[in-house]
PDB file of N, CA and C in Angstrom:
ATOM      1  N   MET A   1      12.223   9.271  12.615  1.00  0.00           N
ATOM      2  CA  MET A   1      10.916   9.277  11.628  1.00  0.00           C
ATOM      3  C   MET A   1       9.623   8.950  12.093  1.00  0.00           C
ATOM      4  N   GLU A   2       8.530   9.883  11.897  1.00  0.00           N
ATOM      5  CA  GLU A   2       7.239   9.412  12.611  1.00  0.00           C
ATOM      6  C   GLU A   2       6.405   9.104  11.600  1.00  0.00           C
ATOM      7  N   HIS A   3       6.424   9.397  10.892  1.00  0.00           N
ATOM      8  CA  HIS A   3       5.132   8.697   9.780  1.00  0.00           C
ATOM      9  C   HIS A   3       6.056   8.589   8.474  1.00  0.00           C
ATOM     10  N   ALA A   4       5.019   7.371   7.624  1.00  0.00           N
ATOM     11  CA  ALA A   4       6.050   7.023   6.263  1.00  0.00           C
ATOM     12  C   ALA A   4       4.604   7.007   5.612  1.00  0.00           C
ATOM     13  N   SER A   5       4.901   7.897   3.986  1.00  0.00           N
ATOM     14  CA  SER A   5       4.060   7.573   2.913  1.00  0.00           C
ATOM     15  C   SER A   5       4.655   7.435   1.685  1.00  0.00           C
ATOM     16  N   THR A   6       3.431   7.228   0.781  1.00  0.00           N
ATOM     17  CA  THR A   6       3.911   6.670  -0.431  1.00  0.00           C
ATOM     18  C   THR A   6       3.943   7.621  -1.583  1.00  0.00           C
ATOM     19  N   LEU A   7       4.473   7.820  -2.669  1.00  0.00           N
ATOM     20  CA  LEU A   7       4.219   8.657  -3.502  1.00  0.00           C
ATOM     21  C   LEU A   7       3.876   8.149  -4.725  1.00  0.00           C
ATOM     22  N   LEU A   8       2.677   8.499  -5.408  1.00  0.00           N
ATOM     23  CA  LEU A   8       2.666   7.773  -6.903  1.00  0.00           C
ATOM     24  C   LEU A   8       2.420   8.409  -7.880  1.00  0.00           C
ATOM     25  N   VAL A   9       3.551   8.063  -9.294  1.00  0.00           N
ATOM     26  CA  VAL A   9       3.686   9.407 -10.176  1.00  0.00           C
ATOM     27  C   VAL A   9       2.468   8.464 -11.352  1.00  0.00           C
ATOM     28  N   VAL A  10       1.389   9.169 -11.811  1.00  0.00           N
ATOM     29  CA  VAL A  10       0.322   8.290 -12.796  1.00  0.00           C
ATOM     30  C   VAL A  10       0.426   9.039 -13.931  1.00  0.00           C
ATOM     31  N   HIS A  11       0.025   8.198 -14.808  1.00  0.00           N
ATOM     32  CA  HIS A  11      -0.190   8.544 -16.460  1.00  0.00           C
ATOM     33  C   HIS A  11      -1.785   9.601 -16.498  1.00  0.00           C
ATOM     34  N   ASN A  12      -2.396   9.554 -15.575  1.00  0.00           N
ATOM     35  CA  ASN A  12      -3.804  10.259 -16.094  1.00  0.00           C
ATOM     36  C   ASN A  12      -4.399  10.782 -14.398  1.00  0.00           C
ATOM     37  N   LEU A  13      -4.296  11.812 -13.744  1.00  0.00           N
ATOM     38  CA  LEU A  13      -4.455  12.070 -12.662  1.00  0.00           C
ATOM     39  C   LEU A  13      -6.333  11.666 -12.352  1.00  0.00           C
ATOM     40  N   THR A  14      -6.921  12.379 -13.665  1.00  0.00           N
ATOM     41  CA  THR A  14      -8.342  12.107 -13.259  1.00  0.00           C
ATOM     42  C   THR A  14      -8.692  10.705 -13.022  1.00  0.00           C
ATOM     43  N   ILE A  15      -8.009   9.660 -14.206  1.00  0.00           N
ATOM     44  CA  ILE A  15      -8.583   8.600 -13.964  1.00  0.00           C
ATOM     45  C   ILE A  15      -8.066   7.662 -12.875  1.00  0.00           C
ATOM     46  N   SER A  16      -6.687   8.166 -12.509  1.00  0.00           N
ATOM     47  CA  SER A  16      -6.204   7.390 -11.205  1.00  0.00           C
ATOM     48  C   SER A  16      -7.015   7.877  -9.840  1.00  0.00           C
ATOM     49  N   LYS A  17      -7.241   8.957 -10.195  1.00  0.00           N
ATOM     50  CA  LYS A  17      -8.600   9.422  -8.531  1.00  0.00           C
ATOM     51  C   LYS A  17      -9.483   8.816  -8.444  1.00  0.00           C
ATOM     52  N   ALA A  18     -10.017   8.295  -9.593  1.00  0.00           N
ATOM     53  CA  ALA A  18     -11.453   7.529  -9.657  1.00  0.00           C
ATOM     54  C   ALA A  18     -11.298   6.495  -9.165  1.00  0.00           C
ATOM     55  N   PHE A  19      -9.933   5.814  -9.853  1.00  0.00           N
ATOM     56  CA  PHE A  19      -9.316   4.345  -9.487  1.00  0.00           C
ATOM     57  C   PHE A  19      -9.532   4.212  -7.732  1.00  0.00           C
ATOM     58  N   TYR A  20      -8.725   4.915  -7.335  1.00  0.00           N
ATOM     59  CA  TYR A  20      -7.990   4.735  -5.742  1.00  0.00           C
ATOM     60  C   TYR A  20      -9.379   5.057  -5.118  1.00  0.00           C
ATOM     61  N   VAL A  21      -9.906   6.046  -5.430  1.00  0.00           N
ATOM     62  CA  VAL A  21     -10.879   6.498  -4.360  1.00  0.00           C
ATOM     63  C   VAL A  21     -12.254   5.746  -4.770  1.00  0.00           C
ATOM     64  N   ASP A  22     -12.883   5.644  -6.197  1.00  0.00           N
ATOM     65  CA  ASP A  22     -14.217   5.156  -6.272  1.00  0.00           C
ATOM     66  C   ASP A  22     -13.936   3.324  -6.044  1.00  0.00           C
ATOM     67  N   VAL A  23     -12.782   2.409  -6.377  1.00  0.00           N
ATOM     68  CA  VAL A  23     -12.837   1.611  -6.466  1.00  0.00           C
ATOM     69  C   VAL A  23     -11.828   0.802  -5.311  1.00  0.00           C
ATOM     70  N   LEU A  24     -10.949   1.781  -5.340  1.00  0.00           N
ATOM     71  CA  LEU A  24     -10.316   1.011  -3.839  1.00  0.00           C
ATOM     72  C   LEU A  24     -10.526   1.515  -2.448  1.00  0.00           C
ATOM     73  N   GLY A  25     -11.349   3.084  -2.390  1.00  0.00           N
ATOM     74  CA  GLY A  25     -11.801   3.472  -1.377  1.00  0.00           C
ATOM     75  C   GLY A  25     -11.227   4.420  -0.410  1.00  0.00           C
ATOM     76  N   LEU A  26     -10.271   4.944  -1.095  1.00  0.00           N
ATOM     77  CA  LEU A  26      -9.119   5.750  -0.329  1.00  0.00           C
ATOM     78  C   LEU A  26      -9.708   7.083  -0.158  1.00  0.00           C
ATOM     79  N   LYS A  27      -8.871   7.717   0.577  1.00  0.00           N
ATOM     80  CA  LYS A  27     -10.250   9.058   0.954  1.00  0.00           C
ATOM     81  C   LYS A  27      -9.102  10.391   0.914  1.00  0.00           C
ATOM     82  N   ILE A  28      -9.659  11.349   0.120  1.00  0.00           N
ATOM     83  CA  ILE A  28      -9.205  12.319  -0.523  1.00  0.00           C
ATOM     84  C   ILE A  28      -8.844  13.165   0.590  1.00  0.00           C
ATOM     85  N   VAL A  29      -7.455  13.724   1.083  1.00  0.00           N
ATOM     86  CA  VAL A  29      -7.201  14.748   1.595  1.00  0.00           C
ATOM     87  C   VAL A  29      -6.885  16.097   1.593  1.00  0.00           C
ATOM     88  N   GLU A  30      -6.350  16.360   0.351  1.00  0.00           N
ATOM     89  CA  GLU A  30      -6.248  17.348  -0.606  1.00  0.00           C
ATOM     90  C   GLU A  30      -6.246  17.188  -1.848  1.00  0.00           C
ATOM     91  N   GLU A  31      -6.931  18.134  -2.531  1.00  0.00           N
ATOM     92  CA  GLU A  31      -6.805  18.185  -4.059  1.00  0.00           C
ATOM     93  C   GLU A  31      -6.388  19.244  -4.996  1.00  0.00           C
ATOM     94  N   TYR A  32      -5.874  19.069  -5.543  1.00  0.00           N
ATOM     95  CA  TYR A  32      -5.025  20.494  -6.736  1.00  0.00           C
ATOM     96  C   TYR A  32      -4.966  19.836  -8.073  1.00  0.00           C
ATOM     97  N   ASP A  33      -4.792  20.852  -8.941  1.00  0.00           N
ATOM     98  CA  ASP A  33      -4.937  20.607 -10.406  1.00  0.00           C
ATOM     99  C   ASP A  33      -3.614  19.543 -10.669  1.00  0.00           C
ATOM    100  N   ASP A  34      -2.484  19.780 -10.181  1.00  0.00           N
ATOM    101  CA  ASP A  34      -1.676  18.350 -10.834  1.00  0.00           C
ATOM    102  C   ASP A  34      -1.192  17.578  -9.676  1.00  0.00           C
ATOM    103  N   SER A  35      -1.864  17.648  -8.393  1.00  0.00           N
ATOM    104  CA  SER A  35      -1.422  16.317  -7.379  1.00  0.00           C
ATOM    105  C   SER A  35      -2.669  16.219  -6.456  1.00  0.00           C
ATOM    106  N   ILE A  36      -2.832  15.409  -5.822  1.00  0.00           N
ATOM    107  CA  ILE A  36      -3.861  14.857  -4.822  1.00  0.00           C
ATOM    108  C   ILE A  36      -3.068  14.208  -3.893  1.00  0.00           C
ATOM    109  N   MET A  37      -3.447  14.130  -2.678  1.00  0.00           N
ATOM    110  CA  MET A  37      -3.128  13.615  -1.138  1.00  0.00           C
ATOM    111  C   MET A  37      -4.207  12.941  -0.553  1.00  0.00           C
ATOM    112  N   LEU A  38      -3.936  11.377  -0.675  1.00  0.00           N
ATOM    113  CA  LEU A  38      -5.025  10.604  -0.557  1.00  0.00           C
ATOM    114  C   LEU A  38      -4.669  10.013   0.745  1.00  0.00           C
ATOM    115  N   SER A  39      -5.400   9.191   1.272  1.00  0.00           N
ATOM    116  CA  SER A  39      -4.991   8.745   2.637  1.00  0.00           C
ATOM    117  C   SER A  39      -5.974   7.044   2.845  1.00  0.00           C
ATOM    118  N   TYR A  40      -5.104   5.949   3.599  1.00  0.00           N
ATOM    119  CA  TYR A  40      -5.805   4.896   3.795  1.00  0.00           C
ATOM    120  C   TYR A  40      -4.937   4.439   5.404  1.00  0.00           C
ATOM    121  N   GLY A  41      -6.196   4.447   6.101  1.00  0.00           N
ATOM    122  CA  GLY A  41      -5.826   4.606   7.471  1.00  0.00           C
ATOM    123  C   GLY A  41      -5.107   5.681   7.910  1.00  0.00           C
ATOM    124  N   LEU A  42      -4.025   5.505   8.348  1.00  0.00           N
ATOM    125  CA  LEU A  42      -3.099   6.425   8.786  1.00  0.00           C
ATOM    126  C   LEU A  42      -1.801   7.069   7.634  1.00  0.00           C
ATOM    127  N   HIS A  43      -2.142   5.664   7.089  1.00  0.00           N
ATOM    128  CA  HIS A  43      -1.193   6.309   5.769  1.00  0.00           C
ATOM    129  C   HIS A  43      -1.246   7.394   4.578  1.00  0.00           C
ATOM    130  N   ASN A  44      -0.506   8.497   4.338  1.00  0.00           N
ATOM    131  CA  ASN A  44      -0.801   8.838   3.098  1.00  0.00           C
ATOM    132  C   ASN A  44      -0.084   8.556   1.756  1.00  0.00           C
ATOM    133  N   ILE A  45      -0.969   8.567   0.864  1.00  0.00           N
ATOM    134  CA  ILE A  45      -0.536   8.508  -0.140  1.00  0.00           C
ATOM    135  C   ILE A  45      -0.686   9.862  -1.245  1.00  0.00           C
ATOM    136  N   PHE A  46       0.698  10.540  -1.696  1.00  0.00           N
ATOM    137  CA  PHE A  46       0.850  11.493  -2.568  1.00  0.00           C
ATOM    138  C   PHE A  46       0.720  10.985  -4.264  1.00  0.00           C
ATOM    139  N   MET A  47      -0.009  11.891  -4.823  1.00  0.00           N
ATOM    140  CA  MET A  47      -0.127  11.287  -6.150  1.00  0.00           C
ATOM    141  C   MET A  47       0.018  12.884  -7.215  1.00  0.00           C
ATOM    142  N   PHE A  48       0.654  12.572  -7.923  1.00  0.00           N
ATOM    143  CA  PHE A  48       1.480  13.418  -9.029  1.00  0.00           C
ATOM    144  C   PHE A  48       1.076  13.158 -10.590  1.00  0.00           C
ATOM    145  N   GLN A  49       0.827  13.969 -11.555  1.00  0.00           N
ATOM    146  CA  GLN A  49       0.287  13.449 -12.841  1.00  0.00           C
ATOM    147  C   GLN A  49       1.969  13.467 -13.392  1.00  0.00           C
ATOM    148  N   GLY A  50       1.669  12.244 -14.142  1.00  0.00           N
ATOM    149  CA  GLY A  50       3.570  11.974 -14.909  1.00  0.00           C
ATOM    150  C   GLY A  50       3.032  12.248 -16.663  1.00  0.00           C
ATOM    151  N   THR A  51       4.049  11.308 -16.928  1.00  0.00           N
ATOM    152  CA  THR A  51       3.670  11.219 -18.658  1.00  0.00           C
ATOM    153  C   THR A  51       3.753  10.164 -19.272  1.00  0.00           C
ATOM    154  N   MET A  52       3.941   9.235 -18.333  1.00  0.00           N
ATOM    155  CA  MET A  52       4.221   7.936 -19.243  1.00  0.00           C
ATOM    156  C   MET A  52       3.616   6.849 -18.124  1.00  0.00           C
ATOM    157  N   GLN A  53       3.607   5.707 -19.045  1.00  0.00           N
ATOM    158  CA  GLN A  53       2.891   4.400 -18.230  1.00  0.00           C
ATOM    159  C   GLN A  53       4.156   3.926 -17.148  1.00  0.00           C
ATOM    160  N   ALA A  54       3.529   3.348 -16.646  1.00  0.00           N
ATOM    161  CA  ALA A  54       4.832   2.727 -15.619  1.00  0.00           C
ATOM    162  C   ALA A  54       5.534   1.810 -16.258  1.00  0.00           C
ATOM    163  N   THR A  55       6.940   1.838 -15.893  1.00  0.00           N
ATOM    164  CA  THR A  55       7.842   0.937 -16.622  1.00  0.00           C
ATOM    165  C   THR A  55       7.678  -0.823 -16.370  1.00  0.00           C
ATOM    166  N   ASP A  56       7.701  -1.569 -17.542  1.00  0.00           N
ATOM    167  CA  ASP A  56       7.291  -3.266 -17.250  1.00  0.00           C
ATOM    168  C   ASP A  56       8.345  -3.616 -16.448  1.00  0.00           C
ATOM    169  N   TYR A  57       7.785  -4.660 -15.674  1.00  0.00           N
ATOM    170  CA  TYR A  57       8.736  -5.094 -14.885  1.00  0.00           C
ATOM    171  C   TYR A  57       8.078  -6.664 -14.105  1.00  0.00           C
ATOM    172  N   GLU A  58       8.294  -7.399 -13.756  1.00  0.00           N
ATOM    173  CA  GLU A  58       8.460  -8.991 -13.294  1.00  0.00           C
ATOM    174  C   GLU A  58       8.217  -8.820 -11.999  1.00  0.00           C
ATOM    175  N   HIS A  59       6.759  -8.290 -11.272  1.00  0.00           N
ATOM    176  CA  HIS A  59       6.807  -8.140  -9.958  1.00  0.00           C
ATOM    177  C   HIS A  59       6.893  -9.449  -9.265  1.00  0.00           C
ATOM    178  N   GLY A  60       7.825  -9.087  -8.018  1.00  0.00           N
ATOM    179  CA  GLY A  60       8.338  -9.872  -7.194  1.00  0.00           C
ATOM    180  C   GLY A  60       9.854  -9.994  -7.745  1.00  0.00           C
ATOM    181  N   TYR A  61      10.393  -9.693  -8.777  1.00  0.00           N
ATOM    182  CA  TYR A  61      11.570 -10.469  -9.493  1.00  0.00           C
ATOM    183  C   TYR A  61      12.314  -8.966  -9.287  1.00  0.00           C
ATOM    184  N   HIS A  62      12.042  -7.974  -9.820  1.00  0.00           N
ATOM    185  CA  HIS A  62      12.922  -6.930  -9.956  1.00  0.00           C
ATOM    186  C   HIS A  62      12.471  -5.995  -9.523  1.00  0.00           C
ATOM    187  N   ALA A  63      13.471  -5.136  -8.291  1.00  0.00           N
ATOM    188  CA  ALA A  63      13.568  -4.093  -8.002  1.00  0.00           C
ATOM    189  C   ALA A  63      12.572  -3.095  -8.032  1.00  0.00           C
ATOM    190  N   ASN A  64      11.642  -2.955  -7.261  1.00  0.00           N
ATOM    191  CA  ASN A  64      10.709  -1.672  -7.386  1.00  0.00           C
ATOM    192  C   ASN A  64       9.623  -1.893  -5.860  1.00  0.00           C
ATOM    193  N   SER A  65       9.002  -0.523  -6.026  1.00  0.00           N
ATOM    194  CA  SER A  65       8.063  -0.338  -5.002  1.00  0.00           C
ATOM    195  C   SER A  65       6.475  -0.328  -5.362  1.00  0.00           C
ATOM    196  N   SER A  66       5.877  -1.159  -4.148  1.00  0.00           N
ATOM    197  CA  SER A  66       4.429  -1.000  -4.186  1.00  0.00           C
ATOM    198  C   SER A  66       3.866  -0.775  -3.506  1.00  0.00           C
ATOM    199  N   LEU A  67       2.716  -0.116  -3.206  1.00  0.00           N
ATOM    200  CA  LEU A  67       1.730   0.314  -2.291  1.00  0.00           C
ATOM    201  C   LEU A  67       0.777  -0.674  -1.786  1.00  0.00           C
ATOM    202  N   VAL A  68       1.192  -1.400  -0.207  1.00  0.00           N
ATOM    203  CA  VAL A  68       0.645  -2.477   0.046  1.00  0.00           C
ATOM    204  C   VAL A  68      -0.901  -2.235   0.913  1.00  0.00           C
ATOM    205  N   LEU A  69      -1.735  -2.354   0.628  1.00  0.00           N
ATOM    206  CA  LEU A  69      -3.108  -1.877   1.167  1.00  0.00           C
ATOM    207  C   LEU A  69      -3.624  -3.188   1.947  1.00  0.00           C
ATOM    208  N   THR A  70      -3.851  -3.061   3.196  1.00  0.00           N
ATOM    209  CA  THR A  70      -4.245  -3.828   4.306  1.00  0.00           C
ATOM    210  C   THR A  70      -5.290  -4.377   4.474  1.00  0.00           C
ATOM    211  N   VAL A  71      -5.889  -5.559   4.514  1.00  0.00           N
ATOM    212  CA  VAL A  71      -7.319  -5.958   4.391  1.00  0.00           C
ATOM    213  C   VAL A  71      -7.541  -6.879   5.402  1.00  0.00           C
ATOM    214  N   HIS A  72      -8.534  -7.192   5.723  1.00  0.00           N
ATOM    215  CA  HIS A  72      -8.985  -8.510   6.571  1.00  0.00           C
ATOM    216  C   HIS A  72      -9.493  -9.429   6.157  1.00  0.00           C
ATOM    217  N   ASN A  73      -9.988  -9.301   4.831  1.00  0.00           N
ATOM    218  CA  ASN A  73     -10.838 -11.011   4.152  1.00  0.00           C
ATOM    219  C   ASN A  73      -9.609 -10.714   2.814  1.00  0.00           C
ATOM    220  N   LEU A  74      -8.802 -11.155   2.406  1.00  0.00           N
ATOM    221  CA  LEU A  74      -8.691 -11.027   1.229  1.00  0.00           C
ATOM    222  C   LEU A  74      -9.394 -11.648   0.163  1.00  0.00           C
ATOM    223  N   ASP A  75     -10.090 -12.562   0.110  1.00  0.00           N
ATOM    224  CA  ASP A  75     -10.936 -13.207  -0.711  1.00  0.00           C
ATOM    225  C   ASP A  75     -12.083 -12.380  -1.043  1.00  0.00           C
ATOM    226  N   GLU A  76     -12.427 -12.189   0.061  1.00  0.00           N
ATOM    227  CA  GLU A  76     -13.507 -11.306  -0.084  1.00  0.00           C
ATOM    228  C   GLU A  76     -13.173 -10.013  -0.981  1.00  0.00           C
ATOM    229  N   LYS A  77     -11.958  -9.093  -0.393  1.00  0.00           N
ATOM    230  CA  LYS A  77     -11.582  -7.629  -1.508  1.00  0.00           C
ATOM    231  C   LYS A  77     -11.647  -7.613  -2.581  1.00  0.00           C
ATOM    232  N   ILE A  78     -10.925  -9.124  -2.758  1.00  0.00           N
ATOM    233  CA  ILE A  78     -10.246  -9.711  -4.453  1.00  0.00           C
ATOM    234  C   ILE A  78     -11.745 -10.007  -5.244  1.00  0.00           C
ATOM    235  N   ASP A  79     -12.661 -10.839  -4.835  1.00  0.00           N
ATOM    236  CA  ASP A  79     -14.278 -10.506  -5.262  1.00  0.00           C
ATOM    237  C   ASP A  79     -14.422  -9.126  -5.773  1.00  0.00           C
ATOM    238  N   GLU A  80     -14.609  -8.467  -4.720  1.00  0.00           N
ATOM    239  CA  GLU A  80     -15.209  -7.184  -4.814  1.00  0.00           C
ATOM    240  C   GLU A  80     -14.604  -6.550  -5.784  1.00  0.00           C
ATOM    241  N   LEU A  81     -13.451  -6.113  -5.786  1.00  0.00           N
ATOM    242  CA  LEU A  81     -12.424  -5.074  -6.817  1.00  0.00           C
ATOM    243  C   LEU A  81     -12.312  -6.022  -8.367  1.00  0.00           C
ATOM    244  N   LYS A  82     -12.511  -7.370  -8.668  1.00  0.00           N
ATOM    245  CA  LYS A  82     -12.766  -7.654  -9.567  1.00  0.00           C
ATOM    246  C   LYS A  82     -14.082  -7.852 -10.404  1.00  0.00           C
ATOM    247  N   SER A  83     -15.190  -7.712  -9.381  1.00  0.00           N
ATOM    248  CA  SER A  83     -16.112  -6.881  -9.916  1.00  0.00           C
ATOM    249  C   SER A  83     -16.417  -5.601 -10.356  1.00  0.00           C
ATOM    250  N   LYS A  84     -15.236  -5.171 -10.223  1.00  0.00           N
ATOM    251  CA  LYS A  84     -14.939  -3.353 -10.309  1.00  0.00           C
ATOM    252  C   LYS A  84     -14.220  -3.371 -11.552  1.00  0.00           C
ATOM    253  N   GLY A  85     -13.779  -4.276 -12.255  1.00  0.00           N
ATOM    254  CA  GLY A  85     -13.005  -4.313 -13.321  1.00  0.00           C
ATOM    255  C   GLY A  85     -11.366  -4.655 -13.106  1.00  0.00           C
ATOM    256  N   VAL A  86     -11.140  -4.415 -11.543  1.00  0.00           N
ATOM    257  CA  VAL A  86      -9.595  -4.269 -11.891  1.00  0.00           C
ATOM    258  C   VAL A  86      -8.830  -5.743 -11.937  1.00  0.00           C
ATOM    259  N   VAL A  87      -7.713  -5.912 -12.358  1.00  0.00           N
ATOM    260  CA  VAL A  87      -7.001  -6.902 -13.030  1.00  0.00           C
ATOM    261  C   VAL A  87      -5.548  -7.524 -12.004  1.00  0.00           C
ATOM    262  N   PHE A  88      -5.897  -8.765 -11.593  1.00  0.00           N
ATOM    263  CA  PHE A  88      -4.843  -9.087 -11.019  1.00  0.00           C
ATOM    264  C   PHE A  88      -3.739  -9.818 -11.699  1.00  0.00           C
ATOM    265  N   ILE A  89      -2.717  -9.973 -11.239  1.00  0.00           N
ATOM    266  CA  ILE A  89      -1.858 -10.337 -11.800  1.00  0.00           C
ATOM    267  C   ILE A  89      -1.758 -12.109 -11.741  1.00  0.00           C
ATOM    268  N   HIS A  90      -1.844 -12.581 -10.709  1.00  0.00           N
ATOM    269  CA  HIS A  90      -2.007 -14.241 -10.442  1.00  0.00           C
ATOM    270  C   HIS A  90      -3.746 -14.466 -10.429  1.00  0.00           C
ATOM    271  N   LYS A  91      -3.491 -15.938 -10.656  1.00  0.00           N
ATOM    272  CA  LYS A  91      -5.033 -16.397 -10.539  1.00  0.00           C
ATOM    273  C   LYS A  91      -5.498 -16.473  -9.204  1.00  0.00           C
ATOM    274  N   ALA A  92      -4.343 -16.925  -8.178  1.00  0.00           N
ATOM    275  CA  ALA A  92      -4.865 -16.969  -6.930  1.00  0.00           C
ATOM    276  C   ALA A  92      -3.657 -16.348  -5.997  1.00  0.00           C
ATOM    277  N   PRO A  93      -4.270 -15.900  -4.794  1.00  0.00           N
ATOM    278  CA  PRO A  93      -3.428 -15.310  -3.708  1.00  0.00           C
ATOM    279  C   PRO A  93      -1.893 -15.896  -3.521  1.00  0.00           C
ATOM    280  N   ASN A  94      -0.962 -15.475  -3.351  1.00  0.00           N
ATOM    281  CA  ASN A  94       0.093 -16.120  -2.823  1.00  0.00           C
ATOM    282  C   ASN A  94       0.389 -15.808  -1.213  1.00  0.00           C
ATOM    283  N   GLU A  95       1.385 -16.275  -0.823  1.00  0.00           N
ATOM    284  CA  GLU A  95       1.813 -16.501   0.655  1.00  0.00           C
ATOM    285  C   GLU A  95       3.364 -16.304   1.026  1.00  0.00           C
ATOM    286  N   ASN A  96       3.201 -15.444   2.224  1.00  0.00           N
ATOM    287  CA  ASN A  96       4.569 -15.303   2.552  1.00  0.00           C
ATOM    288  C   ASN A  96       4.712 -15.328   4.016  1.00  0.00           C
ATOM    289  N   ARG A  97       5.991 -15.143   4.844  1.00  0.00           N
ATOM    290  CA  ARG A  97       6.121 -15.066   6.125  1.00  0.00           C
ATOM    291  C   ARG A  97       4.997 -14.470   6.961  1.00  0.00           C
ATOM    292  N   TRP A  98       4.495 -13.047   6.420  1.00  0.00           N
ATOM    293  CA  TRP A  98       3.894 -12.099   7.202  1.00  0.00           C
ATOM    294  C   TRP A  98       1.892 -12.606   6.625  1.00  0.00           C
ATOM    295  N   GLY A  99       1.663 -13.485   5.612  1.00  0.00           N
ATOM    296  CA  GLY A  99       0.307 -13.868   5.549  1.00  0.00           C
ATOM    297  C   GLY A  99      -0.034 -13.837   3.651  1.00  0.00           C
ATOM    298  N   ARG A 100      -1.164 -13.744   3.477  1.00  0.00           N
ATOM    299  CA  ARG A 100      -1.407 -13.992   1.910  1.00  0.00           C
ATOM    300  C   ARG A 100      -1.509 -12.546   1.636  1.00  0.00           C
ATOM    301  N   TYR A 101      -1.239 -12.456   0.055  1.00  0.00           N
ATOM    302  CA  TYR A 101      -1.020 -11.138  -0.574  1.00  0.00           C
ATOM    303  C   TYR A 101      -1.633 -11.762  -2.270  1.00  0.00           C
ATOM    304  N   ALA A 102      -2.118 -10.357  -2.885  1.00  0.00           N
ATOM    305  CA  ALA A 102      -2.737 -10.251  -4.079  1.00  0.00           C
ATOM    306  C   ALA A 102      -1.990  -9.096  -4.807  1.00  0.00           C
ATOM    307  N   ALA A 103      -1.403  -9.353  -6.109  1.00  0.00           N
ATOM    308  CA  ALA A 103      -1.000  -7.949  -6.609  1.00  0.00           C
ATOM    309  C   ALA A 103      -2.004  -7.428  -7.388  1.00  0.00           C
ATOM    310  N   PHE A 104      -2.140  -6.434  -7.671  1.00  0.00           N
ATOM    311  CA  PHE A 104      -3.163  -5.701  -9.286  1.00  0.00           C
ATOM    312  C   PHE A 104      -2.292  -4.835  -9.804  1.00  0.00           C
ATOM    313  N   PHE A 105      -3.359  -4.427 -10.963  1.00  0.00           N
ATOM    314  CA  PHE A 105      -2.299  -3.487 -11.908  1.00  0.00           C
ATOM    315  C   PHE A 105      -3.540  -2.063 -11.428  1.00  0.00           C
ATOM    316  N   ASP A 106      -3.387  -0.781 -11.263  1.00  0.00           N
ATOM    317  CA  ASP A 106      -3.928   0.536 -11.511  1.00  0.00           C
ATOM    318  C   ASP A 106      -3.873   1.212 -12.722  1.00  0.00           C
ATOM    319  N   PRO A 107      -4.669   1.945 -13.087  1.00  0.00           N
ATOM    320  CA  PRO A 107      -4.853   2.422 -14.856  1.00  0.00           C
ATOM    321  C   PRO A 107      -3.907   2.827 -15.358  1.00  0.00           C
ATOM    322  N   SER A 108      -2.755   3.165 -14.768  1.00  0.00           N
ATOM    323  CA  SER A 108      -1.114   3.693 -14.927  1.00  0.00           C
ATOM    324  C   SER A 108      -0.107   2.437 -15.364  1.00  0.00           C
ATOM    325  N   GLY A 109      -0.605   1.361 -14.725  1.00  0.00           N
ATOM    326  CA  GLY A 109      -0.049   0.014 -15.034  1.00  0.00           C
ATOM    327  C   GLY A 109       1.282   0.092 -13.605  1.00  0.00           C
ATOM    328  N   ILE A 110       0.693   0.672 -12.630  1.00  0.00           N
ATOM    329  CA  ILE A 110       1.776   0.441 -11.525  1.00  0.00           C
ATOM    330  C   ILE A 110       0.850  -1.048 -10.955  1.00  0.00           C
ATOM    331  N   ILE A 111       1.803  -1.748 -10.347  1.00  0.00           N
ATOM    332  CA  ILE A 111       1.431  -3.217  -9.295  1.00  0.00           C
ATOM    333  C   ILE A 111       1.495  -2.577  -8.064  1.00  0.00           C
ATOM    334  N   ASN A 112       0.188  -2.657  -7.666  1.00  0.00           N
ATOM    335  CA  ASN A 112      -0.038  -2.243  -6.194  1.00  0.00           C
ATOM    336  C   ASN A 112      -0.359  -3.978  -5.255  1.00  0.00           C
ATOM    337  N   GLU A 113      -0.537  -4.202  -4.253  1.00  0.00           N
ATOM    338  CA  GLU A 113      -0.928  -5.062  -3.170  1.00  0.00           C
ATOM    339  C   GLU A 113      -2.006  -5.107  -2.209  1.00  0.00           C
ATOM    340  N   LEU A 114      -2.694  -6.049  -1.863  1.00  0.00           N
ATOM    341  CA  LEU A 114      -3.674  -6.387  -1.053  1.00  0.00           C
ATOM    342  C   LEU A 114      -2.895  -7.327  -0.089  1.00  0.00           C
ATOM    343  N   MET A 115      -2.957  -6.652   1.197  1.00  0.00           N
ATOM    344  CA  MET A 115      -1.936  -8.069   2.072  1.00  0.00           C
ATOM    345  C   MET A 115      -3.299  -8.266   3.053  1.00  0.00           C
ATOM    346  N   GLU A 116      -3.286  -9.853   3.727  1.00  0.00           N
ATOM    347  CA  GLU A 116      -4.014  -9.770   4.701  1.00  0.00           C
ATOM    348  C   GLU A 116      -2.857 -10.931   5.707  1.00  0.00           C
ATOM    349  N   PHE A 117      -2.925  -9.820   6.444  1.00  0.00           N
ATOM    350  CA  PHE A 117      -1.794 -10.710   7.622  1.00  0.00           C
ATOM    351  C   PHE A 117      -1.957 -12.179   8.181  1.00  0.00           C
ATOM    352  N   ALA A 118      -1.175 -12.618   8.652  1.00  0.00           N
ATOM    353  CA  ALA A 118      -1.242 -14.377   9.490  1.00  0.00           C
ATOM    354  C   ALA A 118      -2.124 -13.799  10.952  1.00  0.00           C
ATOM    355  N   ASP A 119      -2.596 -14.602  11.248  1.00  0.00           N
ATOM    356  CA  ASP A 119      -3.526 -14.436  12.348  1.00  0.00           C
ATOM    357  C   ASP A 119      -2.236 -14.192  13.645  1.00  0.00           C
ATOM    358  N   HIS A 120      -1.302 -14.121  13.453  1.00  0.00           N
ATOM    359  CA  HIS A 120      -0.405 -13.588  14.426  1.00  0.00           C
ATOM    360  C   HIS A 120       0.243 -12.210  14.474  1.00  0.00           C
ATOM    361  N   ARG A 121      -0.444 -11.656  13.492  1.00  0.00           N
ATOM    362  CA  ARG A 121      -0.012 -10.423  13.143  1.00  0.00           C
ATOM    363  C   ARG A 121      -1.408  -9.394  13.312  1.00  0.00           C
ATOM    364  N   ASN A 122      -2.511 -10.144  13.484  1.00  0.00           N
ATOM    365  CA  ASN A 122      -3.633  -9.043  14.175  1.00  0.00           C
ATOM    366  C   ASN A 122      -3.656  -8.656  15.724  1.00  0.00           C
TER     367      ASN A 122
END
């Protein structure tokens, strides 16, 4: 394997495109009527139009996948996204062995995360 990418099936491609590009800052690589390819650094995100909301689950407990966007300053990015109306799951960031993270909802109800690596990973 040379490269990994993420696939997102969203409820409304137009609304999701605005969220991921205008709010999160991802770049459009290719765009079609039924799909979009975005990039975040070297990572590609393929987005397709689905017909249903994301399945409800308890993030961190039920098996599922999340797009994780790494950032240098988690608190600053959380404040920026909250000012743009992004809804976060927890009141404060969580921490694990790799660093600090915060989970948030996209317009389709998909839960993604921001991640700030601990100093030893930079």
